[in-house]
Amino acid sequence: MSISTLIMTLNEEENIGRCLASLGWCDDIVVLDSFSTDRTVEIARAAGARVVQHRYESELDQRMFGLTQVEFRHPWVYTPDADEVTPDDLRDEMLAIAADPDRPEAIFQARYKNMFMGRWIRRSSLYPTWITRMVRPEFVRFERKVHSRCVSDRPTGRLKSHFIHYSFNKGLSAWYDKHNRYSSVEAALATSKGRHPPIDWGGLVSSEGADRRAAIKAIAARMPFRPTLRFVYMYLLRGGFLDGWAGYTYCRMIASYELMIEIKTAERLRRDAGLPI
């Protein structure tokens, strides 16, 4: 049995060709496009993908539209981003799972190798981070507006193989544009729940990495000098300095993202209180 593939896109002409080239084994590729203004749709159709266009409102809404409103040929759906490449070992592992009708899982997570400045920044990128990449659509749902989380009442499995993530292929300006949007949503979420998100203390000892990260993030949000602490944690405690200049640069960029969240949260609170910015 084969696997269907769903790729969400918006102006991904730099990435979509390489992503699709690594999916030559898949006979059902759907590109869910948010009305790109570049050659994304043209490239996708030329590669044989089906293109469905839907206006983007949030990551959560777009993913749920794709998994609930698009008809797929196969029960299992692989969900890479356009800036990801699927190696042969990951392909073979997923196809073996799809060929087994007795698998109880509805979700499979995979680790990734994050590439920056021509190298895998293993330590700086907090490897291993597990990301949902293969699902049974009828059994899953997504939560959160940013970095949406896939959940199911069925078991979650983990793939042994990695995918390759070229998150900077569109350039640093595109990376900052994306994280500028993300930080605005994060600030809105923070202020909608009060000054800080509630702490799920049980999440600290959860077997789910996403729950642990959320709990740690809620604690970190209450600490002073949050951007600096994030840099110290990634660069020194997690060994980002071993990734060379690429590691140093990446850790500084992530710290700047934390600073954007902090500043925008403070801005929203001041506006809500009628104070000048």
C-alpha atoms as a PDB file:
ATOM      1  CA  MET A   1       0.000   0.000   0.000  1.00  0.00           C
ATOM      2  CA  SER A   2       1.231   3.491  -0.801  1.00  0.00           C
ATOM      3  CA  ILE A   3       0.931   6.778   1.073  1.00  0.00           C
ATOM      4  CA  SER A   4      -0.664  10.101   0.162  1.00  0.00           C
ATOM      5  CA  THR A   5       1.208  13.359   0.727  1.00  0.00           C
ATOM      6  CA  LEU A   6      -0.090  16.782   1.782  1.00  0.00           C
ATOM      7  CA  ILE A   7       2.164  19.845   1.475  1.00  0.00           C
ATOM      8  CA  MET A   8       1.039  23.316   2.564  1.00  0.00           C
ATOM      9  CA  THR A   9       2.574  26.156   0.536  1.00  0.00           C
ATOM     10  CA  LEU A  10       2.729  29.922   0.195  1.00  0.00           C
ATOM     11  CA  ASN A  11       5.315  31.287  -2.243  1.00  0.00           C
ATOM     12  CA  GLU A  12       7.605  28.279  -2.042  1.00  0.00           C
ATOM     13  CA  GLU A  13       9.117  28.313  -5.529  1.00  0.00           C
ATOM     14  CA  GLU A  14      12.630  28.066  -4.022  1.00  0.00           C
ATOM     15  CA  ASN A  15      11.749  24.892  -2.123  1.00  0.00           C
ATOM     16  CA  ILE A  16       8.876  22.987  -3.680  1.00  0.00           C
ATOM     17  CA  GLY A  17      10.850  21.491  -6.584  1.00  0.00           C
ATOM     18  CA  ARG A  18      13.403  19.778  -4.346  1.00  0.00           C
ATOM     19  CA  CYS A  19      10.698  18.624  -1.946  1.00  0.00           C
ATOM     20  CA  LEU A  20       8.656  17.057  -4.752  1.00  0.00           C
ATOM     21  CA  ALA A  21      11.735  15.487  -6.337  1.00  0.00           C
ATOM     22  CA  SER A  22      12.283  13.517  -3.119  1.00  0.00           C
ATOM     23  CA  LEU A  23       8.684  12.274  -3.325  1.00  0.00           C
ATOM     24  CA  GLY A  24       8.897  10.615  -6.735  1.00  0.00           C
ATOM     25  CA  TRP A  25       7.753   7.353  -5.149  1.00  0.00           C
ATOM     26  CA  CYS A  26       4.378   8.846  -4.110  1.00  0.00           C
ATOM     27  CA  ASP A  27       1.416   8.511  -6.482  1.00  0.00           C
ATOM     28  CA  ASP A  28      -0.883  10.943  -4.628  1.00  0.00           C
ATOM     29  CA  ILE A  29       0.644  14.329  -3.813  1.00  0.00           C
ATOM     30  CA  VAL A  30      -1.627  17.220  -2.865  1.00  0.00           C
ATOM     31  CA  VAL A  31      -0.246  20.755  -2.619  1.00  0.00           C
ATOM     32  CA  LEU A  32      -2.528  22.889  -0.457  1.00  0.00           C
ATOM     33  CA  ASP A  33      -1.610  26.361  -1.617  1.00  0.00           C
ATOM     34  CA  SER A  34      -2.544  29.658   0.042  1.00  0.00           C
ATOM     35  CA  PHE A  35      -2.794  31.549  -3.269  1.00  0.00           C
ATOM     36  CA  SER A  36       0.920  31.909  -3.966  1.00  0.00           C
ATOM     37  CA  THR A  37       1.972  34.793  -6.184  1.00  0.00           C
ATOM     38  CA  ASP A  38       5.174  33.141  -7.416  1.00  0.00           C
ATOM     39  CA  ARG A  39       5.713  29.942  -9.470  1.00  0.00           C
ATOM     40  CA  THR A  40       4.816  27.498  -6.673  1.00  0.00           C
ATOM     41  CA  VAL A  41       1.600  26.267  -8.302  1.00  0.00           C
ATOM     42  CA  GLU A  42       3.195  26.028 -11.758  1.00  0.00           C
ATOM     43  CA  ILE A  43       6.101  23.952 -10.430  1.00  0.00           C
ATOM     44  CA  ALA A  44       3.808  21.692  -8.400  1.00  0.00           C
ATOM     45  CA  ARG A  45       1.514  20.937 -11.326  1.00  0.00           C
ATOM     46  CA  ALA A  46       4.456  20.331 -13.646  1.00  0.00           C
ATOM     47  CA  ALA A  47       5.697  17.728 -11.150  1.00  0.00           C
ATOM     48  CA  GLY A  48       2.325  15.949 -11.249  1.00  0.00           C
ATOM     49  CA  ALA A  49       0.908  17.153  -7.932  1.00  0.00           C
ATOM     50  CA  ARG A  50      -2.730  17.990  -7.391  1.00  0.00           C
ATOM     51  CA  VAL A  51      -3.128  21.626  -6.354  1.00  0.00           C
ATOM     52  CA  VAL A  52      -5.899  22.789  -4.019  1.00  0.00           C
ATOM     53  CA  GLN A  53      -6.037  26.463  -3.101  1.00  0.00           C
ATOM     54  CA  HIS A  54      -7.503  27.722   0.164  1.00  0.00           C
ATOM     55  CA  ARG A  55      -7.150  31.067   1.907  1.00  0.00           C
ATOM     56  CA  TYR A  56      -4.782  30.874   4.894  1.00  0.00           C
ATOM     57  CA  GLU A  57      -6.152  32.011   8.256  1.00  0.00           C
ATOM     58  CA  SER A  58      -3.974  30.063  10.674  1.00  0.00           C
ATOM     59  CA  GLU A  59      -1.729  27.017  10.644  1.00  0.00           C
ATOM     60  CA  LEU A  60      -4.313  25.073  12.618  1.00  0.00           C
ATOM     61  CA  ASP A  61      -7.186  25.957  10.269  1.00  0.00           C
ATOM     62  CA  GLN A  62      -5.135  25.221   7.157  1.00  0.00           C
ATOM     63  CA  ARG A  63      -3.949  21.818   8.382  1.00  0.00           C
ATOM     64  CA  MET A  64      -7.437  20.810   9.451  1.00  0.00           C
ATOM     65  CA  PHE A  65      -8.855  21.906   6.087  1.00  0.00           C
ATOM     66  CA  GLY A  66      -6.271  19.813   4.288  1.00  0.00           C
ATOM     67  CA  LEU A  67      -6.880  16.691   6.363  1.00  0.00           C
ATOM     68  CA  THR A  68     -10.680  16.935   6.471  1.00  0.00           C
ATOM     69  CA  GLN A  69     -11.670  18.529   3.149  1.00  0.00           C
ATOM     70  CA  VAL A  70      -9.189  16.994   0.707  1.00  0.00           C
ATOM     71  CA  GLU A  71      -9.833  13.479  -0.594  1.00  0.00           C
ATOM     72  CA  PHE A  72      -6.781  11.222  -0.525  1.00  0.00           C
ATOM     73  CA  ARG A  73      -6.228   7.914  -2.299  1.00  0.00           C
ATOM     74  CA  HIS A  74      -4.624   6.204   0.684  1.00  0.00           C
ATOM     75  CA  PRO A  75      -5.424   5.933   4.434  1.00  0.00           C
ATOM     76  CA  TRP A  76      -2.024   7.238   5.552  1.00  0.00           C
ATOM     77  CA  VAL A  77      -1.016  10.839   4.759  1.00  0.00           C
ATOM     78  CA  TYR A  78       2.554  12.121   4.928  1.00  0.00           C
ATOM     79  CA  THR A  79       2.714  15.852   5.779  1.00  0.00           C
ATOM     80  CA  PRO A  80       6.128  17.381   4.982  1.00  0.00           C
ATOM     81  CA  ASP A  81       6.722  21.108   4.709  1.00  0.00           C
ATOM     82  CA  ALA A  82       7.868  22.496   1.376  1.00  0.00           C
ATOM     83  CA  ASP A  83      11.388  23.092   2.694  1.00  0.00           C
ATOM     84  CA  GLU A  84      11.891  19.439   3.662  1.00  0.00           C
ATOM     85  CA  VAL A  85      13.496  16.562   1.784  1.00  0.00           C
ATOM     86  CA  THR A  86      12.481  12.921   2.297  1.00  0.00           C
ATOM     87  CA  PRO A  87      15.435  10.475   2.273  1.00  0.00           C
ATOM     88  CA  ASP A  88      15.070   6.919   1.000  1.00  0.00           C
ATOM     89  CA  ASP A  89      15.303   5.304   4.441  1.00  0.00           C
ATOM     90  CA  LEU A  90      12.388   7.392   5.715  1.00  0.00           C
ATOM     91  CA  ARG A  91      10.388   6.533   2.588  1.00  0.00           C
ATOM     92  CA  ASP A  92      10.964   2.806   3.083  1.00  0.00           C
ATOM     93  CA  GLU A  93      10.050   2.924   6.756  1.00  0.00           C
ATOM     94  CA  MET A  94       6.774   4.759   6.114  1.00  0.00           C
ATOM     95  CA  LEU A  95       5.778   2.453   3.265  1.00  0.00           C
ATOM     96  CA  ALA A  96       6.374  -0.590   5.490  1.00  0.00           C
ATOM     97  CA  ILE A  97       4.078   0.882   8.137  1.00  0.00           C
ATOM     98  CA  ALA A  98       1.388   1.700   5.577  1.00  0.00           C
ATOM     99  CA  ALA A  99       1.528  -1.883   4.271  1.00  0.00           C
ATOM    100  CA  ASP A 100       0.647  -3.292   7.701  1.00  0.00           C
ATOM    101  CA  PRO A 101      -3.155  -3.097   8.213  1.00  0.00           C
ATOM    102  CA  ASP A 102      -2.858  -4.072  11.882  1.00  0.00           C
ATOM    103  CA  ARG A 103      -0.941  -0.986  13.017  1.00  0.00           C
ATOM    104  CA  PRO A 104      -2.858   0.628  15.920  1.00  0.00           C
ATOM    105  CA  GLU A 105      -1.222   4.056  15.582  1.00  0.00           C
ATOM    106  CA  ALA A 106      -2.874   7.109  14.033  1.00  0.00           C
ATOM    107  CA  ILE A 107       0.181   9.371  14.287  1.00  0.00           C
ATOM    108  CA  PHE A 108       3.867   8.892  13.572  1.00  0.00           C
ATOM    109  CA  GLN A 109       6.473  11.448  14.569  1.00  0.00           C
ATOM    110  CA  ALA A 110       9.902  11.925  13.036  1.00  0.00           C
ATOM    111  CA  ARG A 111      13.096  13.743  13.945  1.00  0.00           C
ATOM    112  CA  TYR A 112      14.757  16.125  11.556  1.00  0.00           C
ATOM    113  CA  LYS A 113      18.218  17.377  10.688  1.00  0.00           C
ATOM    114  CA  ASN A 114      18.051  21.166  10.584  1.00  0.00           C
ATOM    115  CA  MET A 115      20.462  22.545   7.991  1.00  0.00           C
ATOM    116  CA  PHE A 116      22.028  26.014   8.267  1.00  0.00           C
ATOM    117  CA  MET A 117      25.058  27.436   6.480  1.00  0.00           C
ATOM    118  CA  GLY A 118      25.672  24.101   4.786  1.00  0.00           C
ATOM    119  CA  ARG A 119      25.742  21.938   7.903  1.00  0.00           C
ATOM    120  CA  TRP A 120      23.473  20.089  10.317  1.00  0.00           C
ATOM    121  CA  ILE A 121      23.238  22.265  13.433  1.00  0.00           C
ATOM    122  CA  ARG A 122      22.490  19.293  15.642  1.00  0.00           C
ATOM    123  CA  ARG A 123      23.132  20.859  19.056  1.00  0.00           C
ATOM    124  CA  SER A 124      21.898  24.387  18.367  1.00  0.00           C
ATOM    125  CA  SER A 125      18.567  23.122  17.046  1.00  0.00           C
ATOM    126  CA  LEU A 126      17.876  21.179  20.260  1.00  0.00           C
ATOM    127  CA  TYR A 127      17.981  17.803  18.523  1.00  0.00           C
ATOM    128  CA  PRO A 128      16.057  15.576  18.815  1.00  0.00           C
ATOM    129  CA  THR A 129      12.737  17.344  18.328  1.00  0.00           C
ATOM    130  CA  TRP A 130       9.869  15.071  17.312  1.00  0.00           C
ATOM    131  CA  ILE A 131       7.439  16.410  14.703  1.00  0.00           C
ATOM    132  CA  THR A 132       4.230  14.795  13.452  1.00  0.00           C
ATOM    133  CA  ARG A 133       4.760  13.778   9.844  1.00  0.00           C
ATOM    134  CA  MET A 134       2.482  10.810   9.109  1.00  0.00           C
ATOM    135  CA  VAL A 135      -1.187  10.532  10.116  1.00  0.00           C
ATOM    136  CA  ARG A 136      -4.481   8.760   9.617  1.00  0.00           C
ATOM    137  CA  PRO A 137      -6.667  11.848   8.982  1.00  0.00           C
ATOM    138  CA  GLU A 138      -9.893  10.353  10.276  1.00  0.00           C
ATOM    139  CA  PHE A 139      -8.379   9.799  13.716  1.00  0.00           C
ATOM    140  CA  VAL A 140      -6.496  13.058  14.376  1.00  0.00           C
ATOM    141  CA  ARG A 141      -7.084  16.692  15.199  1.00  0.00           C
ATOM    142  CA  PHE A 142      -4.819  19.716  15.620  1.00  0.00           C
ATOM    143  CA  GLU A 143      -4.510  22.149  18.536  1.00  0.00           C
ATOM    144  CA  ARG A 144      -2.839  25.602  18.892  1.00  0.00           C
ATOM    145  CA  LYS A 145      -2.724  28.418  16.348  1.00  0.00           C
ATOM    146  CA  VAL A 146       1.086  28.434  16.043  1.00  0.00           C
ATOM    147  CA  HIS A 147       3.225  25.289  15.853  1.00  0.00           C
ATOM    148  CA  SER A 148      -0.036  23.345  15.844  1.00  0.00           C
ATOM    149  CA  ARG A 149       0.013  20.066  17.744  1.00  0.00           C
ATOM    150  CA  CYS A 150      -1.485  16.873  16.339  1.00  0.00           C
ATOM    151  CA  VAL A 151      -3.385  14.691  18.813  1.00  0.00           C
ATOM    152  CA  SER A 152      -5.385  11.476  18.642  1.00  0.00           C
ATOM    153  CA  ASP A 153      -7.113   8.978  20.894  1.00  0.00           C
ATOM    154  CA  ARG A 154      -5.052   6.294  19.179  1.00  0.00           C
ATOM    155  CA  PRO A 155      -1.372   5.560  19.922  1.00  0.00           C
ATOM    156  CA  THR A 156       1.468   7.686  18.574  1.00  0.00           C
ATOM    157  CA  GLY A 157       4.521   6.012  17.062  1.00  0.00           C
ATOM    158  CA  ARG A 158       8.013   7.256  16.257  1.00  0.00           C
ATOM    159  CA  LEU A 159       9.938   6.772  13.049  1.00  0.00           C
ATOM    160  CA  LYS A 160      13.585   5.757  13.224  1.00  0.00           C
ATOM    161  CA  SER A 161      14.590   7.706  10.133  1.00  0.00           C
ATOM    162  CA  HIS A 162      15.043  11.477   9.755  1.00  0.00           C
ATOM    163  CA  PHE A 163      13.842  14.057   7.280  1.00  0.00           C
ATOM    164  CA  ILE A 164      16.105  16.914   6.182  1.00  0.00           C
ATOM    165  CA  HIS A 165      14.959  20.460   6.963  1.00  0.00           C
ATOM    166  CA  TYR A 166      16.224  23.383   4.873  1.00  0.00           C
ATOM    167  CA  SER A 167      14.487  26.084   6.894  1.00  0.00           C
ATOM    168  CA  PHE A 168      16.750  28.888   5.621  1.00  0.00           C
ATOM    169  CA  ASN A 169      16.610  28.115   1.917  1.00  0.00           C
ATOM    170  CA  LYS A 170      14.406  31.168   1.234  1.00  0.00           C
ATOM    171  CA  GLY A 171      16.900  33.445   2.980  1.00  0.00           C
ATOM    172  CA  LEU A 172      17.222  35.076   6.377  1.00  0.00           C
ATOM    173  CA  SER A 173      14.700  37.806   5.541  1.00  0.00           C
ATOM    174  CA  ALA A 174      12.036  35.154   4.996  1.00  0.00           C
ATOM    175  CA  TRP A 175      12.986  33.491   8.295  1.00  0.00           C
ATOM    176  CA  TYR A 176      12.592  36.775  10.170  1.00  0.00           C
ATOM    177  CA  ASP A 177       9.321  37.550   8.387  1.00  0.00           C
ATOM    178  CA  LYS A 178       7.925  34.189   9.501  1.00  0.00           C
ATOM    179  CA  HIS A 179       9.075  34.576  13.079  1.00  0.00           C
ATOM    180  CA  ASN A 180       7.769  38.117  13.165  1.00  0.00           C
ATOM    181  CA  ARG A 181       4.322  36.682  12.418  1.00  0.00           C
ATOM    182  CA  TYR A 182       4.786  33.850  14.915  1.00  0.00           C
ATOM    183  CA  SER A 183       5.851  36.243  17.681  1.00  0.00           C
ATOM    184  CA  SER A 184       2.726  38.355  17.154  1.00  0.00           C
ATOM    185  CA  VAL A 185       0.524  35.300  17.602  1.00  0.00           C
ATOM    186  CA  GLU A 186       2.531  34.148  20.632  1.00  0.00           C
ATOM    187  CA  ALA A 187       2.107  37.575  22.237  1.00  0.00           C
ATOM    188  CA  ALA A 188      -1.622  37.490  21.556  1.00  0.00           C
ATOM    189  CA  LEU A 189      -1.901  34.047  23.143  1.00  0.00           C
ATOM    190  CA  ALA A 190       0.083  35.181  26.186  1.00  0.00           C
ATOM    191  CA  THR A 191      -2.045  38.246  26.800  1.00  0.00           C
ATOM    192  CA  SER A 192      -5.302  36.372  26.227  1.00  0.00           C
ATOM    193  CA  LYS A 193      -4.413  34.143  29.194  1.00  0.00           C
ATOM    194  CA  GLY A 194      -3.074  36.905  31.425  1.00  0.00           C
ATOM    195  CA  ARG A 195       0.552  37.964  31.677  1.00  0.00           C
ATOM    196  CA  HIS A 196       1.836  34.417  31.248  1.00  0.00           C
ATOM    197  CA  PRO A 197       0.426  31.072  30.071  1.00  0.00           C
ATOM    198  CA  PRO A 198      -0.526  28.679  32.889  1.00  0.00           C
ATOM    199  CA  ILE A 199       2.064  26.103  33.922  1.00  0.00           C
ATOM    200  CA  ASP A 200       1.204  22.457  33.427  1.00  0.00           C
ATOM    201  CA  TRP A 201       3.375  20.995  36.161  1.00  0.00           C
ATOM    202  CA  GLY A 202       2.472  17.470  35.119  1.00  0.00           C
ATOM    203  CA  GLY A 203       3.862  18.232  31.687  1.00  0.00           C
ATOM    204  CA  LEU A 204       7.376  18.423  33.153  1.00  0.00           C
ATOM    205  CA  VAL A 205       7.356  14.660  33.691  1.00  0.00           C
ATOM    206  CA  SER A 206       5.222  13.768  30.672  1.00  0.00           C
ATOM    207  CA  SER A 207       6.439  11.156  28.211  1.00  0.00           C
ATOM    208  CA  GLU A 208       5.377  13.509  25.405  1.00  0.00           C
ATOM    209  CA  GLY A 209       8.099  15.890  24.312  1.00  0.00           C
ATOM    210  CA  ALA A 210       5.539  18.505  23.258  1.00  0.00           C
ATOM    211  CA  ASP A 211       4.045  18.563  26.763  1.00  0.00           C
ATOM    212  CA  ARG A 212       7.475  18.925  28.366  1.00  0.00           C
ATOM    213  CA  ARG A 213       8.441  21.756  26.019  1.00  0.00           C
ATOM    214  CA  ALA A 214       5.167  23.586  26.714  1.00  0.00           C
ATOM    215  CA  ALA A 215       5.668  23.302  30.476  1.00  0.00           C
ATOM    216  CA  ILE A 216       9.271  24.502  30.256  1.00  0.00           C
ATOM    217  CA  LYS A 217       8.213  27.360  27.992  1.00  0.00           C
ATOM    218  CA  ALA A 218       5.553  28.478  30.484  1.00  0.00           C
ATOM    219  CA  ILE A 219       8.137  28.520  33.279  1.00  0.00           C
ATOM    220  CA  ALA A 220      10.684  30.339  31.117  1.00  0.00           C
ATOM    221  CA  ALA A 221       8.114  33.023  30.277  1.00  0.00           C
ATOM    222  CA  ARG A 222       8.082  34.015  33.957  1.00  0.00           C
ATOM    223  CA  MET A 223      11.839  34.372  34.243  1.00  0.00           C
ATOM    224  CA  PRO A 224      13.694  37.674  33.787  1.00  0.00           C
ATOM    225  CA  PHE A 225      16.095  38.100  30.859  1.00  0.00           C
ATOM    226  CA  ARG A 226      14.269  35.420  28.897  1.00  0.00           C
ATOM    227  CA  PRO A 227      16.042  36.030  25.539  1.00  0.00           C
ATOM    228  CA  THR A 228      19.468  35.917  27.211  1.00  0.00           C
ATOM    229  CA  LEU A 229      18.615  32.771  29.138  1.00  0.00           C
ATOM    230  CA  ARG A 230      17.424  31.112  25.919  1.00  0.00           C
ATOM    231  CA  PHE A 231      20.756  31.882  24.282  1.00  0.00           C
ATOM    232  CA  VAL A 232      22.738  30.585  27.270  1.00  0.00           C
ATOM    233  CA  TYR A 233      20.681  27.406  27.352  1.00  0.00           C
ATOM    234  CA  MET A 234      21.057  26.651  23.632  1.00  0.00           C
ATOM    235  CA  TYR A 235      24.600  27.836  23.052  1.00  0.00           C
ATOM    236  CA  LEU A 236      26.299  26.777  26.282  1.00  0.00           C
ATOM    237  CA  LEU A 237      24.208  24.173  28.129  1.00  0.00           C
ATOM    238  CA  ARG A 238      23.072  22.309  25.001  1.00  0.00           C
ATOM    239  CA  GLY A 239      26.432  22.638  23.264  1.00  0.00           C
ATOM    240  CA  GLY A 240      25.512  24.947  20.415  1.00  0.00           C
ATOM    241  CA  PHE A 241      29.073  26.278  20.453  1.00  0.00           C
ATOM    242  CA  LEU A 242      30.147  22.921  18.987  1.00  0.00           C
ATOM    243  CA  ASP A 243      28.210  23.790  15.809  1.00  0.00           C
ATOM    244  CA  GLY A 244      30.689  26.558  15.011  1.00  0.00           C
ATOM    245  CA  TRP A 245      29.701  29.905  13.544  1.00  0.00           C
ATOM    246  CA  ALA A 246      26.435  28.469  12.219  1.00  0.00           C
ATOM    247  CA  GLY A 247      25.496  27.409  15.757  1.00  0.00           C
ATOM    248  CA  TYR A 248      26.355  30.789  17.250  1.00  0.00           C
ATOM    249  CA  THR A 249      24.348  32.644  14.614  1.00  0.00           C
ATOM    250  CA  TYR A 250      21.331  30.355  14.960  1.00  0.00           C
ATOM    251  CA  CYS A 251      21.281  30.651  18.755  1.00  0.00           C
ATOM    252  CA  ARG A 252      21.408  34.435  18.489  1.00  0.00           C
ATOM    253  CA  MET A 253      18.524  34.397  16.020  1.00  0.00           C
ATOM    254  CA  ILE A 254      16.359  32.261  18.296  1.00  0.00           C
ATOM    255  CA  ALA A 255      17.157  34.617  21.186  1.00  0.00           C
ATOM    256  CA  SER A 256      15.985  37.517  19.008  1.00  0.00           C
ATOM    257  CA  TYR A 257      12.724  35.648  18.398  1.00  0.00           C
ATOM    258  CA  GLU A 258      12.231  35.358  22.159  1.00  0.00           C
ATOM    259  CA  LEU A 259      12.888  39.092  22.435  1.00  0.00           C
ATOM    260  CA  MET A 260      10.219  39.818  19.825  1.00  0.00           C
ATOM    261  CA  ILE A 261       7.681  37.808  21.831  1.00  0.00           C
ATOM    262  CA  GLU A 262       8.645  39.579  25.054  1.00  0.00           C
ATOM    263  CA  ILE A 263       8.444  43.066  23.567  1.00  0.00           C
ATOM    264  CA  LYS A 264       5.182  42.452  21.733  1.00  0.00           C
ATOM    265  CA  THR A 265       3.609  40.970  24.863  1.00  0.00           C
ATOM    266  CA  ALA A 266       4.609  44.068  26.845  1.00  0.00           C
ATOM    267  CA  GLU A 267       3.273  46.284  24.063  1.00  0.00           C
ATOM    268  CA  ARG A 268      -0.121  44.588  24.091  1.00  0.00           C
ATOM    269  CA  LEU A 269      -0.357  44.845  27.878  1.00  0.00           C
ATOM    270  CA  ARG A 270       0.459  48.550  27.801  1.00  0.00           C
ATOM    271  CA  ARG A 271      -2.118  49.193  25.098  1.00  0.00           C
ATOM    272  CA  ASP A 272      -4.732  47.242  27.060  1.00  0.00           C
ATOM    273  CA  ALA A 273      -3.946  49.402  30.098  1.00  0.00           C
ATOM    274  CA  GLY A 274      -4.207  52.618  28.061  1.00  0.00           C
ATOM    275  CA  LEU A 275      -0.506  53.381  28.444  1.00  0.00           C
ATOM    276  CA  PRO A 276       1.675  54.939  25.718  1.00  0.00           C
ATOM    277  CA  ILE A 277       4.068  52.769  23.741  1.00  0.00           C
END
